[in-house]
PDB file of all heavy atoms in Angstrom:
ATOM      1  N   SER A   1     -78.432  19.397  27.264  1.00  0.00           N
ATOM      2  CA  SER A   1     -79.231  19.608  26.054  1.00  0.00           C
ATOM      3  C   SER A   1     -80.219  18.486  25.853  1.00  0.00           C
ATOM      4  O   SER A   1     -80.084  17.390  26.430  1.00  0.00           O
ATOM      5  CB  SER A   1     -78.318  19.720  24.848  1.00  0.00           C
ATOM      6  OG  SER A   1     -77.742  18.452  24.550  1.00  0.00           O
ATOM      7  N   ARG A   2     -81.233  18.733  25.054  1.00  0.00           N
ATOM      8  CA  ARG A   2     -82.253  17.698  24.814  1.00  0.00           C
ATOM      9  C   ARG A   2     -81.614  16.503  24.107  1.00  0.00           C
ATOM     10  O   ARG A   2     -81.955  15.345  24.390  1.00  0.00           O
ATOM     11  CB  ARG A   2     -83.370  18.243  23.927  1.00  0.00           C
ATOM     12  CG  ARG A   2     -84.203  19.295  24.629  1.00  0.00           C
ATOM     13  CD  ARG A   2     -85.559  19.543  23.946  1.00  0.00           C
ATOM     14  NE  ARG A   2     -85.407  19.897  22.563  1.00  0.00           N
ATOM     15  CZ  ARG A   2     -86.383  20.078  21.719  1.00  0.00           C
ATOM     16  NH1 ARG A   2     -87.629  19.848  22.124  1.00  0.00           N
ATOM     17  NH2 ARG A   2     -86.165  20.417  20.474  1.00  0.00           N
ATOM     18  N   LEU A   3     -80.673  16.716  23.164  1.00  0.00           N
ATOM     19  CA  LEU A   3     -80.035  15.621  22.539  1.00  0.00           C
ATOM     20  C   LEU A   3     -79.191  14.786  23.525  1.00  0.00           C
ATOM     21  O   LEU A   3     -79.206  13.555  23.466  1.00  0.00           O
ATOM     22  CB  LEU A   3     -79.116  16.117  21.400  1.00  0.00           C
ATOM     23  CG  LEU A   3     -79.809  16.727  20.182  1.00  0.00           C
ATOM     24  CD1 LEU A   3     -78.783  17.118  19.089  1.00  0.00           C
ATOM     25  CD2 LEU A   3     -80.837  15.793  19.591  1.00  0.00           C
ATOM     26  N   ALA A   4     -78.506  15.475  24.450  1.00  0.00           N
ATOM     27  CA  ALA A   4     -77.726  14.727  25.440  1.00  0.00           C
ATOM     28  C   ALA A   4     -78.612  13.885  26.348  1.00  0.00           C
ATOM     29  O   ALA A   4     -78.210  12.784  26.756  1.00  0.00           O
ATOM     30  CB  ALA A   4     -76.882  15.697  26.276  1.00  0.00           C
ATOM     31  N   ARG A   5     -79.826  14.363  26.658  1.00  0.00           N
ATOM     32  CA  ARG A   5     -80.712  13.609  27.539  1.00  0.00           C
ATOM     33  C   ARG A   5     -81.322  12.416  26.791  1.00  0.00           C
ATOM     34  O   ARG A   5     -81.537  11.356  27.416  1.00  0.00           O
ATOM     35  CB  ARG A   5     -81.847  14.504  28.033  1.00  0.00           C
ATOM     36  CG  ARG A   5     -81.410  15.542  29.053  1.00  0.00           C
ATOM     37  CD  ARG A   5     -82.638  16.114  29.787  1.00  0.00           C
ATOM     38  NE  ARG A   5     -83.606  16.679  28.862  1.00  0.00           N
ATOM     39  CZ  ARG A   5     -83.629  17.914  28.408  1.00  0.00           C
ATOM     40  NH1 ARG A   5     -82.678  18.758  28.819  1.00  0.00           N
ATOM     41  NH2 ARG A   5     -84.540  18.338  27.603  1.00  0.00           N
ATOM     42  N   GLU A   6     -81.586  12.554  25.526  1.00  0.00           N
ATOM     43  CA  GLU A   6     -82.318  11.511  24.793  1.00  0.00           C
ATOM     44  C   GLU A   6     -81.419  10.446  24.137  1.00  0.00           C
ATOM     45  O   GLU A   6     -81.834   9.318  24.044  1.00  0.00           O
ATOM     46  CB  GLU A   6     -83.191  12.173  23.702  1.00  0.00           C
ATOM     47  CG  GLU A   6     -84.365  12.943  24.199  1.00  0.00           C
ATOM     48  CD  GLU A   6     -85.530  12.064  24.611  1.00  0.00           C
ATOM     49  OE1 GLU A   6     -85.950  11.228  23.843  1.00  0.00           O
ATOM     50  OE2 GLU A   6     -85.953  12.185  25.784  1.00  0.00           O
ATOM     51  N   ILE A   7     -80.272  10.867  23.678  1.00  0.00           N
ATOM     52  CA  ILE A   7     -79.441  10.020  22.866  1.00  0.00           C
ATOM     53  C   ILE A   7     -78.311   9.428  23.655  1.00  0.00           C
ATOM     54  O   ILE A   7     -77.461  10.087  24.211  1.00  0.00           O
ATOM     55  CB  ILE A   7     -78.905  10.768  21.631  1.00  0.00           C
ATOM     56  CG1 ILE A   7     -80.090  11.284  20.752  1.00  0.00           C
ATOM     57  CG2 ILE A   7     -77.973   9.934  20.818  1.00  0.00           C
ATOM     58  CD1 ILE A   7     -79.721  12.244  19.662  1.00  0.00           C
ATOM     59  N   GLY A   8     -78.312   8.090  23.684  1.00  0.00           N
ATOM     60  CA  GLY A   8     -77.254   7.377  24.431  1.00  0.00           C
ATOM     61  C   GLY A   8     -75.937   7.282  23.697  1.00  0.00           C
ATOM     62  O   GLY A   8     -74.865   7.413  24.275  1.00  0.00           O
ATOM     63  N   ASP A   9     -76.028   7.000  22.400  1.00  0.00           N
ATOM     64  CA  ASP A   9     -74.813   6.895  21.589  1.00  0.00           C
ATOM     65  C   ASP A   9     -75.167   7.078  20.129  1.00  0.00           C
ATOM     66  O   ASP A   9     -76.365   7.107  19.781  1.00  0.00           O
ATOM     67  CB  ASP A   9     -74.129   5.498  21.786  1.00  0.00           C
ATOM     68  CG  ASP A   9     -75.046   4.312  21.400  1.00  0.00           C
ATOM     69  OD1 ASP A   9     -75.195   4.057  20.215  1.00  0.00           O
ATOM     70  OD2 ASP A   9     -75.582   3.719  22.317  1.00  0.00           O
ATOM     71  N   ILE A  10     -74.159   7.219  19.334  1.00  0.00           N
ATOM     72  CA  ILE A  10     -74.393   7.240  17.894  1.00  0.00           C
ATOM     73  C   ILE A  10     -73.493   6.177  17.264  1.00  0.00           C
ATOM     74  O   ILE A  10     -72.502   5.811  17.799  1.00  0.00           O
ATOM     75  CB  ILE A  10     -74.114   8.641  17.262  1.00  0.00           C
ATOM     76  CG1 ILE A  10     -72.659   9.067  17.434  1.00  0.00           C
ATOM     77  CG2 ILE A  10     -75.003   9.680  17.887  1.00  0.00           C
ATOM     78  CD1 ILE A  10     -72.029   9.413  16.137  1.00  0.00           C
ATOM     79  N   PHE A  11     -73.945   5.702  16.115  1.00  0.00           N
ATOM     80  CA  PHE A  11     -73.273   4.560  15.448  1.00  0.00           C
ATOM     81  C   PHE A  11     -73.003   4.973  14.004  1.00  0.00           C
ATOM     82  O   PHE A  11     -73.923   5.361  13.277  1.00  0.00           O
ATOM     83  CB  PHE A  11     -74.168   3.303  15.512  1.00  0.00           C
ATOM     84  CG  PHE A  11     -73.499   2.071  15.009  1.00  0.00           C
ATOM     85  CD1 PHE A  11     -72.557   1.404  15.799  1.00  0.00           C
ATOM     86  CD2 PHE A  11     -73.811   1.583  13.720  1.00  0.00           C
ATOM     87  CE1 PHE A  11     -71.978   0.242  15.360  1.00  0.00           C
ATOM     88  CE2 PHE A  11     -73.198   0.413  13.292  1.00  0.00           C
ATOM     89  CZ  PHE A  11     -72.268  -0.252  14.093  1.00  0.00           C
ATOM     90  N   LEU A  12     -71.746   4.866  13.616  1.00  0.00           N
ATOM     91  CA  LEU A  12     -71.356   5.142  12.252  1.00  0.00           C
ATOM     92  C   LEU A  12     -71.081   3.806  11.567  1.00  0.00           C
ATOM     93  O   LEU A  12     -70.361   2.931  12.099  1.00  0.00           O
ATOM     94  CB  LEU A  12     -70.112   6.000  12.187  1.00  0.00           C
ATOM     95  CG  LEU A  12     -70.145   7.386  12.821  1.00  0.00           C
ATOM     96  CD1 LEU A  12     -68.885   8.162  12.498  1.00  0.00           C
ATOM     97  CD2 LEU A  12     -71.376   8.168  12.403  1.00  0.00           C
ATOM     98  N   GLU A  13     -71.629   3.627  10.399  1.00  0.00           N
ATOM     99  CA  GLU A  13     -71.383   2.408   9.601  1.00  0.00           C
ATOM    100  C   GLU A  13     -70.795   2.767   8.259  1.00  0.00           C
ATOM    101  O   GLU A  13     -71.346   3.576   7.491  1.00  0.00           O
ATOM    102  CB  GLU A  13     -72.723   1.661   9.367  1.00  0.00           C
ATOM    103  CG  GLU A  13     -72.544   0.364   8.681  1.00  0.00           C
ATOM    104  CD  GLU A  13     -73.897  -0.412   8.576  1.00  0.00           C
ATOM    105  OE1 GLU A  13     -74.400  -0.830   9.554  1.00  0.00           O
ATOM    106  OE2 GLU A  13     -74.349  -0.518   7.392  1.00  0.00           O
ATOM    107  N   PHE A  14     -69.624   2.194   7.967  1.00  0.00           N
ATOM    108  CA  PHE A  14     -68.890   2.473   6.772  1.00  0.00           C
ATOM    109  C   PHE A  14     -69.021   1.260   5.827  1.00  0.00           C
ATOM    110  O   PHE A  14     -68.549   0.185   6.152  1.00  0.00           O
ATOM    111  CB  PHE A  14     -67.430   2.733   7.064  1.00  0.00           C
ATOM    112  CG  PHE A  14     -67.160   3.939   7.933  1.00  0.00           C
ATOM    113  CD1 PHE A  14     -67.175   3.780   9.335  1.00  0.00           C
ATOM    114  CD2 PHE A  14     -66.911   5.157   7.370  1.00  0.00           C
ATOM    115  CE1 PHE A  14     -66.919   4.895  10.156  1.00  0.00           C
ATOM    116  CE2 PHE A  14     -66.660   6.274   8.207  1.00  0.00           C
ATOM    117  CZ  PHE A  14     -66.661   6.113   9.576  1.00  0.00           C
ATOM    118  N   ASP A  15     -69.669   1.449   4.695  1.00  0.00           N
ATOM    119  CA  ASP A  15     -69.766   0.408   3.690  1.00  0.00           C
ATOM    120  C   ASP A  15     -68.460   0.316   2.976  1.00  0.00           C
ATOM    121  O   ASP A  15     -67.976   1.319   2.408  1.00  0.00           O
ATOM    122  CB  ASP A  15     -70.884   0.729   2.658  1.00  0.00           C
ATOM    123  CG  ASP A  15     -72.276   0.694   3.360  1.00  0.00           C
ATOM    124  OD1 ASP A  15     -72.418   0.046   4.385  1.00  0.00           O
ATOM    125  OD2 ASP A  15     -73.178   1.340   2.863  1.00  0.00           O
ATOM    126  N   VAL A  16     -67.855  -0.871   2.917  1.00  0.00           N
ATOM    127  CA  VAL A  16     -66.523  -1.045   2.344  1.00  0.00           C
ATOM    128  C   VAL A  16     -66.542  -2.199   1.349  1.00  0.00           C
ATOM    129  O   VAL A  16     -66.669  -3.377   1.750  1.00  0.00           O
ATOM    130  CB  VAL A  16     -65.458  -1.341   3.435  1.00  0.00           C
ATOM    131  CG1 VAL A  16     -64.064  -1.382   2.829  1.00  0.00           C
ATOM    132  CG2 VAL A  16     -65.519  -0.269   4.521  1.00  0.00           C
ATOM    133  N   GLU A  17     -66.407  -1.908   0.078  1.00  0.00           N
ATOM    134  CA  GLU A  17     -66.392  -2.934  -0.951  1.00  0.00           C
ATOM    135  C   GLU A  17     -65.110  -2.936  -1.717  1.00  0.00           C
ATOM    136  O   GLU A  17     -64.910  -3.745  -2.652  1.00  0.00           O
ATOM    137  CB  GLU A  17     -67.637  -2.792  -1.866  1.00  0.00           C
ATOM    138  CG  GLU A  17     -68.924  -3.057  -1.160  1.00  0.00           C
ATOM    139  CD  GLU A  17     -70.057  -3.330  -2.101  1.00  0.00           C
ATOM    140  OE1 GLU A  17     -69.813  -3.392  -3.336  1.00  0.00           O
ATOM    141  OE2 GLU A  17     -71.199  -3.441  -1.645  1.00  0.00           O
ATOM    142  N   GLY A  18     -64.218  -2.070  -1.447  1.00  0.00           N
ATOM    143  CA  GLY A  18     -62.933  -1.999  -2.092  1.00  0.00           C
ATOM    144  C   GLY A  18     -62.083  -0.997  -1.321  1.00  0.00           C
ATOM    145  O   GLY A  18     -62.340  -0.714  -0.163  1.00  0.00           O
ATOM    146  N   THR A  19     -61.061  -0.434  -1.973  1.00  0.00           N
ATOM    147  CA  THR A  19     -60.260   0.575  -1.301  1.00  0.00           C
ATOM    148  C   THR A  19     -61.144   1.775  -0.932  1.00  0.00           C
ATOM    149  O   THR A  19     -61.789   2.316  -1.820  1.00  0.00           O
ATOM    150  CB  THR A  19     -59.104   1.032  -2.244  1.00  0.00           C
ATOM    151  OG1 THR A  19     -58.320  -0.136  -2.578  1.00  0.00           O
ATOM    152  CG2 THR A  19     -58.244   2.047  -1.529  1.00  0.00           C
ATOM    153  N   PRO A  20     -61.192   2.146   0.323  1.00  0.00           N
ATOM    154  CA  PRO A  20     -62.132   3.222   0.697  1.00  0.00           C
ATOM    155  C   PRO A  20     -61.675   4.585   0.133  1.00  0.00           C
ATOM    156  O   PRO A  20     -60.460   4.802  -0.155  1.00  0.00           O
ATOM    157  CB  PRO A  20     -62.087   3.198   2.221  1.00  0.00           C
ATOM    158  CG  PRO A  20     -60.803   2.527   2.558  1.00  0.00           C
ATOM    159  CD  PRO A  20     -60.554   1.581   1.450  1.00  0.00           C
ATOM    160  N   GLU A  21     -62.614   5.489   0.070  1.00  0.00           N
ATOM    161  CA  GLU A  21     -62.305   6.854  -0.354  1.00  0.00           C
ATOM    162  C   GLU A  21     -61.402   7.496   0.713  1.00  0.00           C
ATOM    163  O   GLU A  21     -61.407   7.109   1.873  1.00  0.00           O
ATOM    164  CB  GLU A  21     -63.571   7.667  -0.500  1.00  0.00           C
ATOM    165  CG  GLU A  21     -64.558   7.139  -1.593  1.00  0.00           C
ATOM    166  CD  GLU A  21     -64.039   7.353  -2.978  1.00  0.00           C
ATOM    167  OE1 GLU A  21     -63.198   8.263  -3.186  1.00  0.00           O
ATOM    168  OE2 GLU A  21     -64.407   6.581  -3.897  1.00  0.00           O
ATOM    169  N   GLN A  22     -60.677   8.533   0.277  1.00  0.00           N
ATOM    170  CA  GLN A  22     -59.804   9.214   1.218  1.00  0.00           C
ATOM    171  C   GLN A  22     -60.627   9.819   2.357  1.00  0.00           C
ATOM    172  O   GLN A  22     -60.171   9.831   3.549  1.00  0.00           O
ATOM    173  CB  GLN A  22     -59.014  10.315   0.523  1.00  0.00           C
ATOM    174  CG  GLN A  22     -57.949  10.972   1.378  1.00  0.00           C
ATOM    175  CD  GLN A  22     -57.070  11.887   0.575  1.00  0.00           C
ATOM    176  OE1 GLN A  22     -57.224  12.052  -0.617  1.00  0.00           O
ATOM    177  NE2 GLN A  22     -56.088  12.520   1.269  1.00  0.00           N
ATOM    178  N   VAL A  23     -61.818  10.293   2.072  1.00  0.00           N
ATOM    179  CA  VAL A  23     -62.761  10.788   3.093  1.00  0.00           C
ATOM    180  C   VAL A  23     -63.932   9.819   3.066  1.00  0.00           C
ATOM    181  O   VAL A  23     -64.874   9.993   2.258  1.00  0.00           O
ATOM    182  CB  VAL A  23     -63.201  12.216   2.856  1.00  0.00           C
ATOM    183  CG1 VAL A  23     -64.191  12.673   3.923  1.00  0.00           C
ATOM    184  CG2 VAL A  23     -61.965  13.183   2.847  1.00  0.00           C
ATOM    185  N   PRO A  24     -63.976   8.824   3.933  1.00  0.00           N
ATOM    186  CA  PRO A  24     -65.031   7.863   3.895  1.00  0.00           C
ATOM    187  C   PRO A  24     -66.349   8.463   4.440  1.00  0.00           C
ATOM    188  O   PRO A  24     -66.327   9.205   5.416  1.00  0.00           O
ATOM    189  CB  PRO A  24     -64.539   6.725   4.841  1.00  0.00           C
ATOM    190  CG  PRO A  24     -63.637   7.425   5.799  1.00  0.00           C
ATOM    191  CD  PRO A  24     -62.953   8.535   4.977  1.00  0.00           C
ATOM    192  N   ILE A  25     -67.445   8.160   3.761  1.00  0.00           N
ATOM    193  CA  ILE A  25     -68.743   8.687   4.142  1.00  0.00           C
ATOM    194  C   ILE A  25     -69.561   7.584   4.806  1.00  0.00           C
ATOM    195  O   ILE A  25     -69.874   6.563   4.163  1.00  0.00           O
ATOM    196  CB  ILE A  25     -69.510   9.246   2.922  1.00  0.00           C
ATOM    197  CG1 ILE A  25     -68.669  10.310   2.238  1.00  0.00           C
ATOM    198  CG2 ILE A  25     -70.831   9.829   3.375  1.00  0.00           C
ATOM    199  CD1 ILE A  25     -68.266  11.484   3.127  1.00  0.00           C
ATOM    200  N   PRO A  26     -69.940   7.735   6.047  1.00  0.00           N
ATOM    201  CA  PRO A  26     -70.684   6.673   6.753  1.00  0.00           C
ATOM    202  C   PRO A  26     -72.192   6.885   6.692  1.00  0.00           C
ATOM    203  O   PRO A  26     -72.704   7.992   6.395  1.00  0.00           O
ATOM    204  CB  PRO A  26     -70.189   6.825   8.197  1.00  0.00           C
ATOM    205  CG  PRO A  26     -70.036   8.306   8.356  1.00  0.00           C
ATOM    206  CD  PRO A  26     -69.583   8.824   6.985  1.00  0.00           C
ATOM    207  N   SER A  27     -72.913   5.852   7.012  1.00  0.00           N
ATOM    208  CA  SER A  27     -74.305   6.011   7.448  1.00  0.00           C
ATOM    209  C   SER A  27     -74.245   6.305   8.972  1.00  0.00           C
ATOM    210  O   SER A  27     -73.321   5.930   9.620  1.00  0.00           O
ATOM    211  CB  SER A  27     -75.148   4.756   7.161  1.00  0.00           C
ATOM    212  OG  SER A  27     -75.260   4.528   5.803  1.00  0.00           O
ATOM    213  N   PHE A  28     -75.289   7.003   9.439  1.00  0.00           N
ATOM    214  CA  PHE A  28     -75.251   7.534  10.800  1.00  0.00           C
ATOM    215  C   PHE A  28     -76.529   7.174  11.509  1.00  0.00           C
ATOM    216  O   PHE A  28     -77.657   7.375  11.002  1.00  0.00           O
ATOM    217  CB  PHE A  28     -75.125   9.058  10.688  1.00  0.00           C
ATOM    218  CG  PHE A  28     -75.019   9.809  11.997  1.00  0.00           C
ATOM    219  CD1 PHE A  28     -73.783  10.217  12.440  1.00  0.00           C
ATOM    220  CD2 PHE A  28     -76.156  10.078  12.760  1.00  0.00           C
ATOM    221  CE1 PHE A  28     -73.654  10.932  13.655  1.00  0.00           C
ATOM    222  CE2 PHE A  28     -76.035  10.755  13.957  1.00  0.00           C
ATOM    223  CZ  PHE A  28     -74.783  11.200  14.370  1.00  0.00           C
ATOM    224  N   PHE A  29     -76.407   6.559  12.740  1.00  0.00           N
ATOM    225  CA  PHE A  29     -77.583   6.211  13.508  1.00  0.00           C
ATOM    226  C   PHE A  29     -77.546   6.839  14.900  1.00  0.00           C
ATOM    227  O   PHE A  29     -76.499   6.811  15.546  1.00  0.00           O
ATOM    228  CB  PHE A  29     -77.624   4.682  13.681  1.00  0.00           C
ATOM    229  CG  PHE A  29     -77.792   3.918  12.396  1.00  0.00           C
ATOM    230  CD1 PHE A  29     -76.696   3.603  11.587  1.00  0.00           C
ATOM    231  CD2 PHE A  29     -79.028   3.488  11.951  1.00  0.00           C
ATOM    232  CE1 PHE A  29     -76.858   2.906  10.398  1.00  0.00           C
ATOM    233  CE2 PHE A  29     -79.194   2.799  10.793  1.00  0.00           C
ATOM    234  CZ  PHE A  29     -78.070   2.497  10.017  1.00  0.00           C
ATOM    235  N   ILE A  30     -78.619   7.417  15.299  1.00  0.00           N
ATOM    236  CA  ILE A  30     -78.759   7.899  16.677  1.00  0.00           C
ATOM    237  C   ILE A  30     -79.498   6.823  17.443  1.00  0.00           C
ATOM    238  O   ILE A  30     -80.520   6.281  16.982  1.00  0.00           O
ATOM    239  CB  ILE A  30     -79.480   9.247  16.769  1.00  0.00           C
ATOM    240  CG1 ILE A  30     -80.907   9.209  16.183  1.00  0.00           C
ATOM    241  CG2 ILE A  30     -78.669  10.342  16.064  1.00  0.00           C
ATOM    242  CD1 ILE A  30     -81.691  10.503  16.412  1.00  0.00           C
ATOM    243  N   GLU A  31     -78.971   6.460  18.590  1.00  0.00           N
ATOM    244  CA  GLU A  31     -79.610   5.416  19.390  1.00  0.00           C
ATOM    245  C   GLU A  31     -80.077   5.998  20.701  1.00  0.00           C
ATOM    246  O   GLU A  31     -79.280   6.661  21.452  1.00  0.00           O
ATOM    247  CB  GLU A  31     -78.612   4.289  19.586  1.00  0.00           C
ATOM    248  CG  GLU A  31     -78.143   3.725  18.265  1.00  0.00           C
ATOM    249  CD  GLU A  31     -77.686   2.268  18.321  1.00  0.00           C
ATOM    250  OE1 GLU A  31     -77.715   1.649  19.423  1.00  0.00           O
ATOM    251  OE2 GLU A  31     -77.327   1.746  17.271  1.00  0.00           O
TER     252      GLU A  31
END
């Protein structure tokens, strides 16, 4: 697929300032 050819990895970043939510929501980066 085009995404498989172009994208080497993805990076999830979880902002944590206290007890995290039961379902943590990350920021998402395609590299």
